[in-house]
C-alpha atoms as a PDB file:
ATOM      1  CA  MET A   1     -52.949  55.806 -55.136  1.00  0.00           C
ATOM      2  CA  GLY A   2     -55.990  53.604 -53.822  1.00  0.00           C
ATOM      3  CA  LYS A   3     -58.058  51.004 -54.940  1.00  0.00           C
ATOM      4  CA  ILE A   4     -61.865  50.702 -55.691  1.00  0.00           C
ATOM      5  CA  LYS A   5     -63.277  46.902 -55.187  1.00  0.00           C
ATOM      6  CA  LEU A   6     -66.411  46.400 -56.511  1.00  0.00           C
ATOM      7  CA  GLU A   7     -67.638  42.563 -56.220  1.00  0.00           C
ATOM      8  CA  SER A   8     -70.228  40.602 -58.009  1.00  0.00           C
ATOM      9  CA  ILE A   9     -71.673  43.065 -60.228  1.00  0.00           C
ATOM     10  CA  GLU A  10     -74.323  41.274 -61.658  1.00  0.00           C
ATOM     11  CA  VAL A  11     -75.086  41.761 -65.899  1.00  0.00           C
ATOM     12  CA  LYS A  12     -76.661  40.153 -68.802  1.00  0.00           C
ATOM     13  CA  VAL A  13     -74.379  39.343 -71.323  1.00  0.00           C
ATOM     14  CA  ARG A  14     -74.741  37.350 -74.728  1.00  0.00           C
ATOM     15  CA  ILE A  15     -71.756  34.977 -74.931  1.00  0.00           C
ATOM     16  CA  GLY A  16     -71.157  31.494 -75.368  1.00  0.00           C
ATOM     17  CA  LEU A  17     -69.863  28.887 -78.001  1.00  0.00           C
ATOM     18  CA  LEU A  18     -73.216  27.030 -77.815  1.00  0.00           C
ATOM     19  CA  GLU A  19     -76.310  28.064 -80.130  1.00  0.00           C
ATOM     20  CA  GLU A  20     -78.580  27.926 -77.054  1.00  0.00           C
ATOM     21  CA  GLU A  21     -76.108  30.488 -75.296  1.00  0.00           C
ATOM     22  CA  GLN A  22     -75.884  32.814 -78.585  1.00  0.00           C
ATOM     23  CA  PHE A  23     -79.591  33.505 -78.559  1.00  0.00           C
ATOM     24  CA  ALA A  24     -80.527  34.540 -74.862  1.00  0.00           C
ATOM     25  CA  PRO A  25     -78.273  36.510 -72.555  1.00  0.00           C
ATOM     26  CA  GLN A  26     -77.121  34.809 -69.423  1.00  0.00           C
ATOM     27  CA  ASP A  27     -76.057  35.915 -65.873  1.00  0.00           C
ATOM     28  CA  LEU A  28     -72.454  36.882 -65.458  1.00  0.00           C
ATOM     29  CA  TYR A  29     -70.832  37.879 -62.356  1.00  0.00           C
ATOM     30  CA  LEU A  30     -67.952  40.833 -62.332  1.00  0.00           C
ATOM     31  CA  SER A  31     -65.586  41.941 -59.783  1.00  0.00           C
ATOM     32  CA  LEU A  32     -63.319  44.843 -59.997  1.00  0.00           C
ATOM     33  CA  GLU A  33     -60.415  46.100 -58.546  1.00  0.00           C
ATOM     34  CA  LEU A  34     -59.433  49.588 -59.961  1.00  0.00           C
ATOM     35  CA  SER A  35     -56.298  51.636 -58.775  1.00  0.00           C
ATOM     36  CA  TYR A  36     -56.217  55.282 -59.313  1.00  0.00           C
ATOM     37  CA  ASP A  37     -55.092  58.394 -57.469  1.00  0.00           C
ATOM     38  CA  PHE A  38     -57.480  59.429 -54.645  1.00  0.00           C
ATOM     39  CA  SER A  39     -55.545  62.606 -53.868  1.00  0.00           C
ATOM     40  CA  ASN A  40     -57.962  65.085 -55.287  1.00  0.00           C
ATOM     41  CA  ILE A  41     -61.029  63.431 -53.558  1.00  0.00           C
ATOM     42  CA  ARG A  42     -59.095  62.560 -50.202  1.00  0.00           C
ATOM     43  CA  GLU A  43     -58.435  66.426 -49.785  1.00  0.00           C
ATOM     44  CA  SER A  44     -61.852  67.925 -51.174  1.00  0.00           C
ATOM     45  CA  ASP A  45     -64.526  65.069 -50.142  1.00  0.00           C
ATOM     46  CA  GLU A  46     -66.347  65.709 -53.418  1.00  0.00           C
ATOM     47  CA  ILE A  47     -67.561  62.998 -55.746  1.00  0.00           C
ATOM     48  CA  THR A  48     -66.768  65.329 -58.546  1.00  0.00           C
ATOM     49  CA  ASP A  49     -63.157  64.917 -57.681  1.00  0.00           C
ATOM     50  CA  GLY A  50     -63.136  61.109 -57.680  1.00  0.00           C
ATOM     51  CA  ILE A  51     -64.814  58.258 -59.552  1.00  0.00           C
ATOM     52  CA  ASP A  52     -68.697  57.537 -58.658  1.00  0.00           C
ATOM     53  CA  TYR A  53     -69.098  53.787 -58.215  1.00  0.00           C
ATOM     54  CA  ARG A  54     -72.889  54.049 -60.023  1.00  0.00           C
ATOM     55  CA  GLU A  55     -71.134  55.621 -62.986  1.00  0.00           C
ATOM     56  CA  ILE A  56     -68.777  52.358 -63.055  1.00  0.00           C
ATOM     57  CA  VAL A  57     -71.716  50.020 -62.558  1.00  0.00           C
ATOM     58  CA  GLY A  58     -73.711  51.618 -65.012  1.00  0.00           C
ATOM     59  CA  PHE A  59     -70.816  51.431 -67.711  1.00  0.00           C
ATOM     60  CA  VAL A  60     -70.213  47.946 -66.992  1.00  0.00           C
ATOM     61  CA  ARG A  61     -73.986  47.124 -67.330  1.00  0.00           C
ATOM     62  CA  GLU A  62     -74.132  49.189 -70.740  1.00  0.00           C
ATOM     63  CA  PHE A  63     -71.229  47.591 -72.237  1.00  0.00           C
ATOM     64  CA  SER A  64     -72.465  44.101 -71.010  1.00  0.00           C
ATOM     65  CA  LYS A  65     -75.891  44.422 -72.570  1.00  0.00           C
ATOM     66  CA  ALA A  66     -74.393  45.528 -75.970  1.00  0.00           C
ATOM     67  CA  TYR A  67     -72.065  42.804 -76.071  1.00  0.00           C
ATOM     68  CA  ASP A  68     -72.069  39.883 -78.408  1.00  0.00           C
ATOM     69  CA  GLY A  69     -69.422  37.485 -78.655  1.00  0.00           C
ATOM     70  CA  LYS A  70     -68.306  33.673 -77.922  1.00  0.00           C
ATOM     71  CA  THR A  71     -65.704  33.774 -75.289  1.00  0.00           C
ATOM     72  CA  LEU A  72     -65.262  35.167 -71.817  1.00  0.00           C
ATOM     73  CA  GLU A  73     -61.458  35.957 -72.669  1.00  0.00           C
ATOM     74  CA  ARG A  74     -62.368  38.535 -74.927  1.00  0.00           C
ATOM     75  CA  TYR A  75     -65.065  40.156 -73.177  1.00  0.00           C
ATOM     76  CA  ALA A  76     -63.038  40.381 -70.164  1.00  0.00           C
ATOM     77  CA  HIS A  77     -60.193  41.796 -72.327  1.00  0.00           C
ATOM     78  CA  LEU A  78     -62.373  44.326 -74.155  1.00  0.00           C
ATOM     79  CA  LEU A  79     -64.339  45.281 -70.891  1.00  0.00           C
ATOM     80  CA  ALA A  80     -61.117  46.272 -68.708  1.00  0.00           C
ATOM     81  CA  ALA A  81     -59.298  48.176 -71.907  1.00  0.00           C
ATOM     82  CA  GLU A  82     -62.608  50.061 -71.826  1.00  0.00           C
ATOM     83  CA  LEU A  83     -62.935  50.667 -68.281  1.00  0.00           C
ATOM     84  CA  LYS A  84     -58.991  51.906 -68.291  1.00  0.00           C
ATOM     85  CA  GLU A  85     -59.409  53.993 -71.116  1.00  0.00           C
ATOM     86  CA  LYS A  86     -63.094  55.692 -69.948  1.00  0.00           C
ATOM     87  CA  PHE A  87     -62.390  56.346 -66.156  1.00  0.00           C
ATOM     88  CA  ASP A  88     -58.345  56.851 -66.350  1.00  0.00           C
ATOM     89  CA  PHE A  89     -57.230  54.133 -63.838  1.00  0.00           C
ATOM     90  CA  SER A  90     -53.702  53.260 -63.694  1.00  0.00           C
ATOM     91  CA  LYS A  91     -54.650  49.405 -63.269  1.00  0.00           C
ATOM     92  CA  VAL A  92     -57.661  47.377 -63.883  1.00  0.00           C
ATOM     93  CA  ARG A  93     -58.348  43.513 -62.614  1.00  0.00           C
ATOM     94  CA  LEU A  94     -61.548  42.259 -63.720  1.00  0.00           C
ATOM     95  CA  ILE A  95     -62.738  38.781 -62.713  1.00  0.00           C
ATOM     96  CA  VAL A  96     -66.079  37.471 -64.690  1.00  0.00           C
ATOM     97  CA  ASP A  97     -67.823  34.332 -63.059  1.00  0.00           C
ATOM     98  CA  LYS A  98     -70.052  32.330 -65.500  1.00  0.00           C
ATOM     99  CA  PRO A  99     -72.335  30.208 -63.512  1.00  0.00           C
ATOM    100  CA  ARG A 100     -74.691  28.982 -66.090  1.00  0.00           C
ATOM    101  CA  TYR A 101     -72.466  25.429 -66.635  1.00  0.00           C
ATOM    102  CA  VAL A 102     -71.022  25.047 -63.492  1.00  0.00           C
ATOM    103  CA  GLN A 103     -73.569  22.138 -62.233  1.00  0.00           C
ATOM    104  CA  LYS A 104     -73.319  20.512 -65.573  1.00  0.00           C
ATOM    105  CA  LEU A 105     -69.385  20.269 -65.849  1.00  0.00           C
ATOM    106  CA  GLY A 106     -69.277  19.264 -62.031  1.00  0.00           C
ATOM    107  CA  LEU A 107     -66.977  22.416 -61.082  1.00  0.00           C
ATOM    108  CA  ARG A 108     -67.440  24.700 -58.399  1.00  0.00           C
ATOM    109  CA  GLU A 109     -66.542  28.098 -60.703  1.00  0.00           C
ATOM    110  CA  ILE A 110     -65.820  29.114 -63.903  1.00  0.00           C
ATOM    111  CA  SER A 111     -64.084  32.445 -64.116  1.00  0.00           C
ATOM    112  CA  VAL A 112     -61.474  34.398 -66.164  1.00  0.00           C
ATOM    113  CA  GLU A 113     -59.427  37.046 -64.732  1.00  0.00           C
ATOM    114  CA  VAL A 114     -57.566  40.016 -66.566  1.00  0.00           C
ATOM    115  CA  GLU A 115     -55.323  42.876 -65.767  1.00  0.00           C
ATOM    116  CA  ARG A 116     -54.480  45.971 -67.719  1.00  0.00           C
END
């Protein structure tokens, strides 16, 4: 068993409660920790026996581009479930950072974390 970590994948998502957020996609940053069995790729050293990071990043960006919702919690939950199903990970940990309103609210960070 092993883990792949992908930090701060930049995506554009139409998400938010405010009217202004619902019309224009905004930047989110996703960090993923993906657990799966490395035994095949460890032996063969061939990407076809493992998981190509580019495919994961592409999937995350396509999912995000198509998403249209209100809350980070739902977005994170649905994306984690889709990643786990498509790539057959034993565990997915996903953190979504939303930088857009940090300064307005006097915060350092707005984020949601899910694990499936």
